[in-house]
Amino acid sequence: WDKTWAFLKELDAGIEYYPTGTGATMKELGEGSRDIIVSTTGWDINPRALGIVPKEAKIATLAGFHWVVDAQYAAIPKGLDPERVAVLLDIISYLLMPAQQAFAYDDGYFYPGPAVKDVPLSMAPESSRKVIGEFGRPEYDALIASVPKEMPLDADKMVMAFRRWDEEIGAKKSK
């Protein structure tokens, strides 16, 4: 961690300000006030499909990068009565069915989409197929298959990292 934070502080010297969120970053990229950003597949596809970022915007990867996998999760709180747990498990089972998972392709925001195997894009609604066909990137499937994947930090470590970012770097130059 020490090397990471030292590197971020070194980079900070050349940063005018930090946008407060990804939406603001994409807007600035689309307007031309940002030249380069760090992003993910969904945050690349969806803003281009919405017209926020130009369709012709390009991507590049850094040698040795890893994906940090992040998605939507289903969780059941502790202490619920068995009847409620049964209903929630039924709902989760339904949501994980291939026909429902096909909706996860949406307008590219959740690309690569489904959380279960064997749900090809051909199962997605026509609108999703159109967006992925027009704004998806041919190289994404190979990158997703070949690049190592890492889980996000545990909640306590993530909170600590956000706090440290706010205290030592980001909050000093937020806009």
N, C-alpha and C. Protein backbone atom coordinates (compact mmCIF):
# COMPACT_ATOMS: atom_id res chain seq x y z
N TRP A 1 0.81 -1.20 0.00
CA TRP A 1 0.00 0.00 0.00
C TRP A 1 0.85 1.26 0.00
N ASP A 2 1.95 1.23 0.73
CA ASP A 2 2.76 2.45 0.83
C ASP A 2 3.23 2.93 -0.54
N LYS A 3 3.67 1.99 -1.39
CA LYS A 3 4.11 2.36 -2.74
C LYS A 3 2.95 2.92 -3.56
N THR A 4 1.77 2.32 -3.40
CA THR A 4 0.59 2.79 -4.14
C THR A 4 0.26 4.22 -3.76
N TRP A 5 0.20 4.50 -2.46
CA TRP A 5 -0.16 5.85 -2.02
C TRP A 5 0.92 6.86 -2.38
N ALA A 6 2.17 6.46 -2.32
CA ALA A 6 3.25 7.37 -2.72
C ALA A 6 3.13 7.70 -4.22
N PHE A 7 2.80 6.69 -5.03
CA PHE A 7 2.63 6.90 -6.47
C PHE A 7 1.45 7.82 -6.75
N LEU A 8 0.33 7.61 -6.05
CA LEU A 8 -0.84 8.46 -6.25
C LEU A 8 -0.54 9.91 -5.86
N LYS A 9 0.20 10.09 -4.79
CA LYS A 9 0.58 11.45 -4.39
C LYS A 9 1.50 12.09 -5.42
N GLU A 10 2.38 11.30 -6.01
CA GLU A 10 3.27 11.81 -7.05
C GLU A 10 2.46 12.23 -8.28
N LEU A 11 1.52 11.40 -8.69
CA LEU A 11 0.65 11.74 -9.82
C LEU A 11 -0.19 12.98 -9.53
N ASP A 12 -0.59 13.12 -8.28
CA ASP A 12 -1.45 14.23 -7.88
C ASP A 12 -0.87 15.59 -8.24
N ALA A 13 0.43 15.69 -8.28
CA ALA A 13 1.06 16.97 -8.59
C ALA A 13 0.67 17.49 -9.97
N GLY A 14 0.31 16.59 -10.88
CA GLY A 14 -0.06 17.00 -12.22
C GLY A 14 -1.55 17.01 -12.48
N ILE A 15 -2.35 16.88 -11.44
CA ILE A 15 -3.81 16.82 -11.59
C ILE A 15 -4.42 18.14 -11.16
N GLU A 16 -5.20 18.73 -12.06
CA GLU A 16 -5.87 20.00 -11.74
C GLU A 16 -6.95 19.80 -10.69
N TYR A 17 -7.83 18.80 -10.90
CA TYR A 17 -8.89 18.48 -9.95
C TYR A 17 -9.41 17.08 -10.26
N TYR A 18 -10.17 16.53 -9.33
CA TYR A 18 -10.76 15.21 -9.50
C TYR A 18 -12.27 15.36 -9.61
N PRO A 19 -12.87 14.86 -10.69
CA PRO A 19 -14.33 14.88 -10.79
C PRO A 19 -14.93 14.05 -9.65
N THR A 20 -16.16 14.36 -9.30
CA THR A 20 -16.79 13.69 -8.16
C THR A 20 -17.40 12.34 -8.49
N GLY A 21 -17.42 11.94 -9.75
CA GLY A 21 -17.99 10.65 -10.09
C GLY A 21 -17.73 10.29 -11.54
N THR A 22 -18.07 9.05 -11.88
CA THR A 22 -17.83 8.56 -13.23
C THR A 22 -18.67 9.31 -14.25
N GLY A 23 -19.91 9.63 -13.91
CA GLY A 23 -20.76 10.36 -14.84
C GLY A 23 -20.15 11.69 -15.24
N ALA A 24 -19.61 12.41 -14.26
CA ALA A 24 -18.95 13.69 -14.54
C ALA A 24 -17.71 13.48 -15.40
N THR A 25 -16.98 12.42 -15.12
CA THR A 25 -15.79 12.11 -15.91
C THR A 25 -16.14 11.84 -17.36
N MET A 26 -17.20 11.05 -17.57
CA MET A 26 -17.63 10.74 -18.94
C MET A 26 -18.10 12.00 -19.66
N LYS A 27 -18.81 12.86 -18.95
CA LYS A 27 -19.27 14.11 -19.56
C LYS A 27 -18.07 14.95 -20.01
N GLU A 28 -17.07 15.04 -19.15
CA GLU A 28 -15.87 15.81 -19.50
C GLU A 28 -15.13 15.18 -20.68
N LEU A 29 -15.05 13.86 -20.71
CA LEU A 29 -14.42 13.18 -21.84
C LEU A 29 -15.17 13.49 -23.13
N GLY A 30 -16.49 13.42 -23.05
CA GLY A 30 -17.31 13.71 -24.22
C GLY A 30 -17.20 15.14 -24.70
N GLU A 31 -17.05 16.07 -23.75
CA GLU A 31 -16.93 17.49 -24.10
C GLU A 31 -15.52 17.87 -24.55
N GLY A 32 -14.57 16.96 -24.31
CA GLY A 32 -13.20 17.24 -24.71
C GLY A 32 -12.34 17.90 -23.65
N SER A 33 -12.86 18.09 -22.44
CA SER A 33 -12.04 18.69 -21.38
C SER A 33 -11.22 17.65 -20.64
N ARG A 34 -11.43 16.38 -20.94
CA ARG A 34 -10.59 15.27 -20.45
C ARG A 34 -10.05 14.56 -21.67
N ASP A 35 -8.77 14.21 -21.64
CA ASP A 35 -8.17 13.51 -22.76
C ASP A 35 -8.12 12.00 -22.56
N ILE A 36 -8.03 11.57 -21.31
CA ILE A 36 -7.89 10.15 -21.01
C ILE A 36 -8.51 9.88 -19.64
N ILE A 37 -9.13 8.73 -19.50
CA ILE A 37 -9.73 8.32 -18.23
C ILE A 37 -9.47 6.83 -18.02
N VAL A 38 -9.66 6.38 -16.81
CA VAL A 38 -9.66 4.96 -16.49
C VAL A 38 -11.11 4.53 -16.50
N SER A 39 -11.41 3.39 -17.11
CA SER A 39 -12.81 3.00 -17.22
C SER A 39 -12.95 1.48 -17.22
N THR A 40 -14.17 1.04 -17.44
CA THR A 40 -14.51 -0.38 -17.54
C THR A 40 -15.30 -0.58 -18.83
N THR A 41 -15.61 -1.82 -19.12
CA THR A 41 -16.33 -2.12 -20.36
C THR A 41 -17.69 -1.43 -20.41
N GLY A 42 -18.47 -1.56 -19.35
CA GLY A 42 -19.80 -0.96 -19.34
C GLY A 42 -19.78 0.55 -19.39
N TRP A 43 -18.83 1.15 -18.67
CA TRP A 43 -18.72 2.61 -18.68
C TRP A 43 -18.08 3.11 -19.98
N ASP A 44 -17.60 2.21 -20.81
CA ASP A 44 -17.17 2.58 -22.15
C ASP A 44 -18.35 2.50 -23.11
N ILE A 45 -19.06 1.40 -23.08
CA ILE A 45 -20.14 1.15 -24.05
C ILE A 45 -21.33 2.08 -23.82
N ASN A 46 -21.85 2.11 -22.60
CA ASN A 46 -23.09 2.83 -22.34
C ASN A 46 -23.02 4.33 -22.62
N PRO A 47 -22.02 5.08 -22.15
CA PRO A 47 -21.98 6.51 -22.47
C PRO A 47 -21.83 6.80 -23.97
N ARG A 48 -21.20 5.91 -24.70
CA ARG A 48 -21.13 6.11 -26.15
C ARG A 48 -22.49 5.83 -26.77
N ALA A 49 -23.20 4.81 -26.26
CA ALA A 49 -24.54 4.52 -26.77
C ALA A 49 -25.51 5.66 -26.47
N LEU A 50 -25.32 6.32 -25.33
CA LEU A 50 -26.19 7.44 -24.94
C LEU A 50 -25.79 8.75 -25.61
N GLY A 51 -24.65 8.77 -26.29
CA GLY A 51 -24.20 9.99 -26.95
C GLY A 51 -23.44 10.94 -26.05
N ILE A 52 -23.10 10.52 -24.84
CA ILE A 52 -22.34 11.36 -23.91
C ILE A 52 -20.88 11.43 -24.34
N VAL A 53 -20.36 10.29 -24.77
CA VAL A 53 -18.99 10.18 -25.26
C VAL A 53 -19.08 9.86 -26.75
N PRO A 54 -18.23 10.44 -27.58
CA PRO A 54 -18.29 10.15 -29.01
C PRO A 54 -18.15 8.66 -29.31
N LYS A 55 -18.93 8.20 -30.26
CA LYS A 55 -18.89 6.79 -30.66
C LYS A 55 -17.48 6.35 -31.02
N GLU A 56 -16.72 7.23 -31.65
CA GLU A 56 -15.39 6.86 -32.15
C GLU A 56 -14.30 6.91 -31.08
N ALA A 57 -14.63 7.21 -29.83
CA ALA A 57 -13.64 7.21 -28.75
C ALA A 57 -12.95 5.84 -28.71
N LYS A 58 -11.66 5.84 -28.48
CA LYS A 58 -10.85 4.62 -28.50
C LYS A 58 -10.52 4.16 -27.08
N ILE A 59 -10.09 2.91 -26.98
CA ILE A 59 -9.62 2.37 -25.71
C ILE A 59 -8.18 1.88 -25.87
N ALA A 60 -7.51 1.72 -24.75
CA ALA A 60 -6.19 1.11 -24.70
C ALA A 60 -6.08 0.43 -23.35
N THR A 61 -5.21 -0.53 -23.25
CA THR A 61 -4.98 -1.20 -21.97
C THR A 61 -3.52 -1.03 -21.58
N LEU A 62 -3.26 -1.12 -20.29
CA LEU A 62 -1.90 -1.06 -19.79
C LEU A 62 -1.35 -2.47 -19.68
N ALA A 63 -0.10 -2.66 -20.00
CA ALA A 63 0.54 -3.97 -19.89
C ALA A 63 0.43 -4.46 -18.45
N GLY A 64 -0.01 -5.69 -18.29
CA GLY A 64 -0.08 -6.29 -16.96
C GLY A 64 -1.30 -5.91 -16.15
N PHE A 65 -2.29 -5.24 -16.76
CA PHE A 65 -3.46 -4.85 -15.97
C PHE A 65 -4.28 -6.08 -15.58
N HIS A 66 -5.08 -5.92 -14.54
CA HIS A 66 -6.03 -6.94 -14.08
C HIS A 66 -7.41 -6.29 -14.04
N TRP A 67 -8.42 -7.07 -14.35
CA TRP A 67 -9.79 -6.60 -14.16
C TRP A 67 -10.10 -6.64 -12.67
N VAL A 68 -10.80 -5.66 -12.17
CA VAL A 68 -11.39 -5.74 -10.84
C VAL A 68 -12.87 -6.00 -11.08
N VAL A 69 -13.30 -7.21 -10.74
CA VAL A 69 -14.68 -7.59 -11.04
C VAL A 69 -15.62 -6.97 -10.02
N ASP A 70 -16.65 -6.36 -10.52
CA ASP A 70 -17.62 -5.68 -9.68
C ASP A 70 -18.96 -5.83 -10.38
N ALA A 71 -20.00 -6.00 -9.63
CA ALA A 71 -21.30 -6.24 -10.25
C ALA A 71 -22.41 -5.98 -9.25
N GLN A 72 -23.57 -6.47 -9.60
CA GLN A 72 -24.72 -6.44 -8.70
C GLN A 72 -24.75 -7.75 -7.93
N TYR A 73 -25.08 -7.69 -6.67
CA TYR A 73 -25.09 -8.88 -5.83
C TYR A 73 -26.45 -9.02 -5.16
N ALA A 74 -26.81 -10.26 -4.87
CA ALA A 74 -28.02 -10.54 -4.10
C ALA A 74 -27.57 -10.99 -2.71
N ALA A 75 -28.21 -10.46 -1.70
CA ALA A 75 -27.88 -10.82 -0.33
C ALA A 75 -29.16 -10.93 0.48
N ILE A 76 -29.14 -11.83 1.42
CA ILE A 76 -30.29 -12.01 2.31
C ILE A 76 -29.83 -11.65 3.72
N PRO A 77 -30.51 -10.71 4.36
CA PRO A 77 -30.12 -10.33 5.72
C PRO A 77 -30.25 -11.49 6.70
N LYS A 78 -29.40 -11.48 7.69
CA LYS A 78 -29.48 -12.49 8.75
C LYS A 78 -30.76 -12.28 9.56
N GLY A 79 -31.27 -13.35 10.10
CA GLY A 79 -32.37 -13.27 11.04
C GLY A 79 -33.77 -13.28 10.46
N LEU A 80 -33.91 -13.42 9.15
CA LEU A 80 -35.25 -13.48 8.56
C LEU A 80 -35.89 -14.82 8.86
N ASP A 81 -37.22 -14.81 8.95
CA ASP A 81 -37.92 -16.07 9.19
C ASP A 81 -37.79 -16.96 7.96
N PRO A 82 -37.90 -18.28 8.14
CA PRO A 82 -37.70 -19.23 7.04
C PRO A 82 -38.62 -19.00 5.83
N GLU A 83 -39.84 -18.54 6.08
CA GLU A 83 -40.76 -18.30 4.96
C GLU A 83 -40.24 -17.18 4.05
N ARG A 84 -39.75 -16.12 4.66
CA ARG A 84 -39.21 -15.02 3.85
C ARG A 84 -37.94 -15.45 3.12
N VAL A 85 -37.10 -16.20 3.78
CA VAL A 85 -35.88 -16.70 3.13
C VAL A 85 -36.25 -17.54 1.91
N ALA A 86 -37.26 -18.38 2.05
CA ALA A 86 -37.68 -19.23 0.93
C ALA A 86 -38.15 -18.38 -0.25
N VAL A 87 -38.92 -17.33 0.02
CA VAL A 87 -39.39 -16.45 -1.05
C VAL A 87 -38.20 -15.74 -1.71
N LEU A 88 -37.28 -15.24 -0.90
CA LEU A 88 -36.12 -14.55 -1.45
C LEU A 88 -35.25 -15.49 -2.28
N LEU A 89 -35.08 -16.72 -1.83
CA LEU A 89 -34.32 -17.70 -2.61
C LEU A 89 -35.01 -17.99 -3.94
N ASP A 90 -36.33 -18.04 -3.93
CA ASP A 90 -37.08 -18.23 -5.19
C ASP A 90 -36.85 -17.06 -6.14
N ILE A 91 -36.87 -15.85 -5.60
CA ILE A 91 -36.65 -14.66 -6.44
C ILE A 91 -35.23 -14.69 -7.02
N ILE A 92 -34.26 -14.99 -6.18
CA ILE A 92 -32.87 -15.04 -6.65
C ILE A 92 -32.71 -16.13 -7.70
N SER A 93 -33.31 -17.29 -7.48
CA SER A 93 -33.24 -18.37 -8.47
C SER A 93 -33.85 -17.93 -9.79
N TYR A 94 -34.97 -17.24 -9.73
CA TYR A 94 -35.61 -16.73 -10.93
C TYR A 94 -34.69 -15.74 -11.66
N LEU A 95 -34.09 -14.83 -10.91
CA LEU A 95 -33.22 -13.82 -11.52
C LEU A 95 -31.98 -14.43 -12.17
N LEU A 96 -31.57 -15.59 -11.68
CA LEU A 96 -30.38 -16.25 -12.24
C LEU A 96 -30.69 -17.17 -13.41
N MET A 97 -31.96 -17.30 -13.77
CA MET A 97 -32.32 -18.12 -14.92
C MET A 97 -31.80 -17.45 -16.19
N PRO A 98 -31.33 -18.24 -17.16
CA PRO A 98 -30.78 -17.65 -18.39
C PRO A 98 -31.69 -16.63 -19.06
N ALA A 99 -32.98 -16.88 -19.12
CA ALA A 99 -33.88 -15.93 -19.78
C ALA A 99 -33.88 -14.57 -19.09
N GLN A 100 -33.76 -14.57 -17.77
CA GLN A 100 -33.71 -13.30 -17.03
C GLN A 100 -32.32 -12.67 -17.11
N GLN A 101 -31.29 -13.51 -17.06
CA GLN A 101 -29.92 -13.01 -17.13
C GLN A 101 -29.63 -12.32 -18.46
N ALA A 102 -30.34 -12.72 -19.50
CA ALA A 102 -30.14 -12.09 -20.82
C ALA A 102 -30.43 -10.59 -20.77
N PHE A 103 -31.27 -10.17 -19.84
CA PHE A 103 -31.54 -8.73 -19.69
C PHE A 103 -30.34 -7.97 -19.14
N ALA A 104 -29.37 -8.69 -18.56
CA ALA A 104 -28.20 -8.03 -17.98
C ALA A 104 -27.30 -7.39 -19.03
N TYR A 105 -27.50 -7.73 -20.30
CA TYR A 105 -26.73 -7.05 -21.34
C TYR A 105 -27.17 -5.58 -21.45
N ASP A 106 -28.36 -5.29 -21.05
CA ASP A 106 -29.03 -3.98 -21.08
C ASP A 106 -28.49 -3.09 -22.20
N ASP A 107 -28.20 -1.85 -21.91
CA ASP A 107 -27.66 -0.94 -22.93
C ASP A 107 -26.15 -0.85 -22.82
N GLY A 108 -25.54 -1.97 -22.50
CA GLY A 108 -24.09 -2.04 -22.42
C GLY A 108 -23.51 -1.74 -21.06
N TYR A 109 -24.29 -1.16 -20.16
CA TYR A 109 -23.76 -0.72 -18.87
C TYR A 109 -23.18 -1.87 -18.06
N PHE A 110 -23.80 -3.04 -18.11
CA PHE A 110 -23.31 -4.18 -17.33
C PHE A 110 -22.46 -5.15 -18.15
N TYR A 111 -22.00 -4.72 -19.31
CA TYR A 111 -21.21 -5.63 -20.14
C TYR A 111 -20.00 -6.12 -19.36
N PRO A 112 -19.75 -7.43 -19.36
CA PRO A 112 -20.20 -8.45 -20.28
C PRO A 112 -21.54 -9.09 -19.97
N GLY A 113 -22.30 -8.54 -19.07
CA GLY A 113 -23.67 -8.99 -18.91
C GLY A 113 -23.88 -10.07 -17.87
N PRO A 114 -24.43 -11.19 -18.29
CA PRO A 114 -24.92 -12.22 -17.38
C PRO A 114 -23.92 -12.71 -16.34
N ALA A 115 -24.48 -13.10 -15.19
CA ALA A 115 -23.68 -13.64 -14.10
C ALA A 115 -23.61 -15.16 -14.16
N VAL A 116 -24.30 -15.76 -15.10
CA VAL A 116 -24.28 -17.22 -15.25
C VAL A 116 -23.78 -17.55 -16.66
N LYS A 117 -23.29 -18.77 -16.81
CA LYS A 117 -22.75 -19.20 -18.11
C LYS A 117 -23.87 -19.54 -19.08
N ASP A 118 -23.47 -19.63 -20.33
CA ASP A 118 -24.36 -20.06 -21.42
C ASP A 118 -25.56 -19.14 -21.63
N VAL A 119 -25.32 -17.85 -21.55
CA VAL A 119 -26.35 -16.86 -21.88
C VAL A 119 -25.75 -15.96 -22.97
N PRO A 120 -25.82 -16.42 -24.21
CA PRO A 120 -25.22 -15.63 -25.30
C PRO A 120 -26.00 -14.36 -25.58
N LEU A 121 -25.35 -13.43 -26.23
CA LEU A 121 -25.98 -12.17 -26.60
C LEU A 121 -27.24 -12.40 -27.42
N SER A 122 -27.29 -13.50 -28.15
CA SER A 122 -28.47 -13.79 -28.98
C SER A 122 -29.74 -13.95 -28.15
N MET A 123 -29.60 -14.22 -26.84
CA MET A 123 -30.77 -14.35 -25.96
C MET A 123 -31.25 -12.99 -25.44
N ALA A 124 -30.45 -11.96 -25.60
CA ALA A 124 -30.78 -10.64 -25.06
C ALA A 124 -31.88 -9.99 -25.89
N PRO A 125 -32.58 -9.02 -25.30
CA PRO A 125 -33.57 -8.27 -26.08
C PRO A 125 -32.91 -7.61 -27.30
N GLU A 126 -33.72 -7.37 -28.31
CA GLU A 126 -33.20 -6.78 -29.55
C GLU A 126 -32.48 -5.46 -29.30
N SER A 127 -33.02 -4.64 -28.40
CA SER A 127 -32.39 -3.34 -28.13
C SER A 127 -30.98 -3.52 -27.56
N SER A 128 -30.80 -4.52 -26.71
CA SER A 128 -29.47 -4.79 -26.15
C SER A 128 -28.52 -5.29 -27.23
N ARG A 129 -29.01 -6.20 -28.06
CA ARG A 129 -28.17 -6.73 -29.15
C ARG A 129 -27.71 -5.59 -30.07
N LYS A 130 -28.61 -4.66 -30.32
CA LYS A 130 -28.28 -3.53 -31.20
C LYS A 130 -27.19 -2.65 -30.57
N VAL A 131 -27.34 -2.33 -29.29
CA VAL A 131 -26.35 -1.49 -28.61
C VAL A 131 -24.99 -2.18 -28.59
N ILE A 132 -24.96 -3.44 -28.18
CA ILE A 132 -23.68 -4.16 -28.11
C ILE A 132 -23.08 -4.30 -29.51
N GLY A 133 -23.92 -4.57 -30.49
CA GLY A 133 -23.43 -4.69 -31.86
C GLY A 133 -22.82 -3.40 -32.38
N GLU A 134 -23.41 -2.28 -32.03
CA GLU A 134 -22.93 -0.99 -32.54
C GLU A 134 -21.82 -0.38 -31.70
N PHE A 135 -21.90 -0.53 -30.36
CA PHE A 135 -20.97 0.16 -29.48
C PHE A 135 -20.02 -0.76 -28.72
N GLY A 136 -20.26 -2.07 -28.79
CA GLY A 136 -19.34 -3.00 -28.17
C GLY A 136 -18.00 -2.97 -28.88
N ARG A 137 -17.03 -3.59 -28.29
CA ARG A 137 -15.69 -3.60 -28.88
C ARG A 137 -15.30 -5.05 -29.15
N PRO A 138 -14.86 -5.37 -30.36
CA PRO A 138 -14.49 -6.75 -30.68
C PRO A 138 -13.41 -7.29 -29.75
N GLU A 139 -12.52 -6.44 -29.26
CA GLU A 139 -11.42 -6.91 -28.41
C GLU A 139 -11.86 -7.24 -26.99
N TYR A 140 -13.04 -6.81 -26.58
CA TYR A 140 -13.45 -7.04 -25.19
C TYR A 140 -13.53 -8.52 -24.83
N ASP A 141 -14.12 -9.34 -25.68
CA ASP A 141 -14.27 -10.75 -25.33
C ASP A 141 -12.91 -11.41 -25.10
N ALA A 142 -11.93 -11.12 -25.94
CA ALA A 142 -10.59 -11.69 -25.77
C ALA A 142 -9.94 -11.16 -24.49
N LEU A 143 -10.11 -9.87 -24.21
CA LEU A 143 -9.54 -9.30 -22.98
C LEU A 143 -10.19 -9.92 -21.74
N ILE A 144 -11.50 -10.07 -21.78
CA ILE A 144 -12.21 -10.65 -20.64
C ILE A 144 -11.75 -12.09 -20.41
N ALA A 145 -11.55 -12.83 -21.49
CA ALA A 145 -11.13 -14.23 -21.37
C ALA A 145 -9.68 -14.38 -20.93
N SER A 146 -8.81 -13.45 -21.31
CA SER A 146 -7.38 -13.67 -21.11
C SER A 146 -6.74 -12.88 -19.96
N VAL A 147 -7.37 -11.83 -19.50
CA VAL A 147 -6.75 -10.98 -18.48
C VAL A 147 -7.19 -11.46 -17.09
N PRO A 148 -6.25 -11.53 -16.13
CA PRO A 148 -6.61 -11.97 -14.78
C PRO A 148 -7.69 -11.09 -14.15
N LYS A 149 -8.48 -11.71 -13.30
CA LYS A 149 -9.57 -11.01 -12.61
C LYS A 149 -9.31 -11.02 -11.11
N GLU A 150 -9.60 -9.90 -10.48
CA GLU A 150 -9.41 -9.75 -9.03
C GLU A 150 -10.72 -9.30 -8.41
N MET A 151 -10.95 -9.76 -7.20
CA MET A 151 -12.12 -9.30 -6.45
C MET A 151 -11.84 -7.92 -5.88
N PRO A 152 -12.88 -7.10 -5.69
CA PRO A 152 -12.67 -5.80 -5.04
C PRO A 152 -12.17 -6.01 -3.61
N LEU A 153 -11.69 -4.96 -3.02
CA LEU A 153 -11.28 -5.02 -1.62
C LEU A 153 -12.46 -5.40 -0.75
N ASP A 154 -12.17 -6.01 0.39
CA ASP A 154 -13.22 -6.25 1.38
C ASP A 154 -13.77 -4.90 1.83
N ALA A 155 -14.99 -4.90 2.33
CA ALA A 155 -15.67 -3.65 2.67
C ALA A 155 -14.85 -2.78 3.62
N ASP A 156 -14.27 -3.36 4.66
CA ASP A 156 -13.52 -2.54 5.62
C ASP A 156 -12.28 -1.92 4.98
N LYS A 157 -11.60 -2.66 4.12
CA LYS A 157 -10.43 -2.11 3.44
C LYS A 157 -10.82 -1.06 2.40
N MET A 158 -11.97 -1.27 1.75
CA MET A 158 -12.42 -0.29 0.76
C MET A 158 -12.79 1.02 1.45
N VAL A 159 -13.47 0.94 2.58
CA VAL A 159 -13.83 2.14 3.33
C VAL A 159 -12.55 2.88 3.76
N MET A 160 -11.57 2.12 4.22
CA MET A 160 -10.30 2.73 4.62
C MET A 160 -9.62 3.41 3.43
N ALA A 161 -9.63 2.75 2.26
CA ALA A 161 -8.99 3.33 1.07
C ALA A 161 -9.71 4.61 0.64
N PHE A 162 -11.05 4.58 0.65
CA PHE A 162 -11.80 5.79 0.29
C PHE A 162 -11.51 6.92 1.28
N ARG A 163 -11.47 6.58 2.56
CA ARG A 163 -11.19 7.60 3.58
C ARG A 163 -9.79 8.19 3.37
N ARG A 164 -8.83 7.31 3.13
CA ARG A 164 -7.46 7.78 2.93
C ARG A 164 -7.37 8.65 1.67
N TRP A 165 -8.05 8.22 0.61
CA TRP A 165 -8.08 9.03 -0.62
C TRP A 165 -8.63 10.42 -0.32
N ASP A 166 -9.76 10.46 0.37
CA ASP A 166 -10.39 11.74 0.68
C ASP A 166 -9.49 12.62 1.54
N GLU A 167 -8.86 12.02 2.52
CA GLU A 167 -8.05 12.80 3.46
C GLU A 167 -6.72 13.25 2.87
N GLU A 168 -6.10 12.39 2.06
CA GLU A 168 -4.74 12.68 1.61
C GLU A 168 -4.63 13.22 0.19
N ILE A 169 -5.64 12.94 -0.64
CA ILE A 169 -5.48 13.30 -2.06
C ILE A 169 -6.74 13.95 -2.63
N GLY A 170 -7.76 13.17 -2.87
CA GLY A 170 -8.90 13.58 -3.68
C GLY A 170 -9.68 14.78 -3.20
N ALA A 171 -10.01 14.84 -1.92
CA ALA A 171 -10.87 15.91 -1.43
C ALA A 171 -10.21 17.28 -1.54
N LYS A 172 -8.92 17.30 -1.64
CA LYS A 172 -8.21 18.58 -1.74
C LYS A 172 -8.40 19.24 -3.10
N LYS A 173 -8.79 18.43 -4.10
CA LYS A 173 -8.93 18.96 -5.46
C LYS A 173 -10.21 18.48 -6.13
N SER A 174 -11.26 18.27 -5.39
CA SER A 174 -12.51 17.80 -5.99
C SER A 174 -13.26 18.94 -6.64
N LYS A 175 -14.01 18.58 -7.68
CA LYS A 175 -14.82 19.59 -8.37
C LYS A 175 -16.17 18.98 -8.67
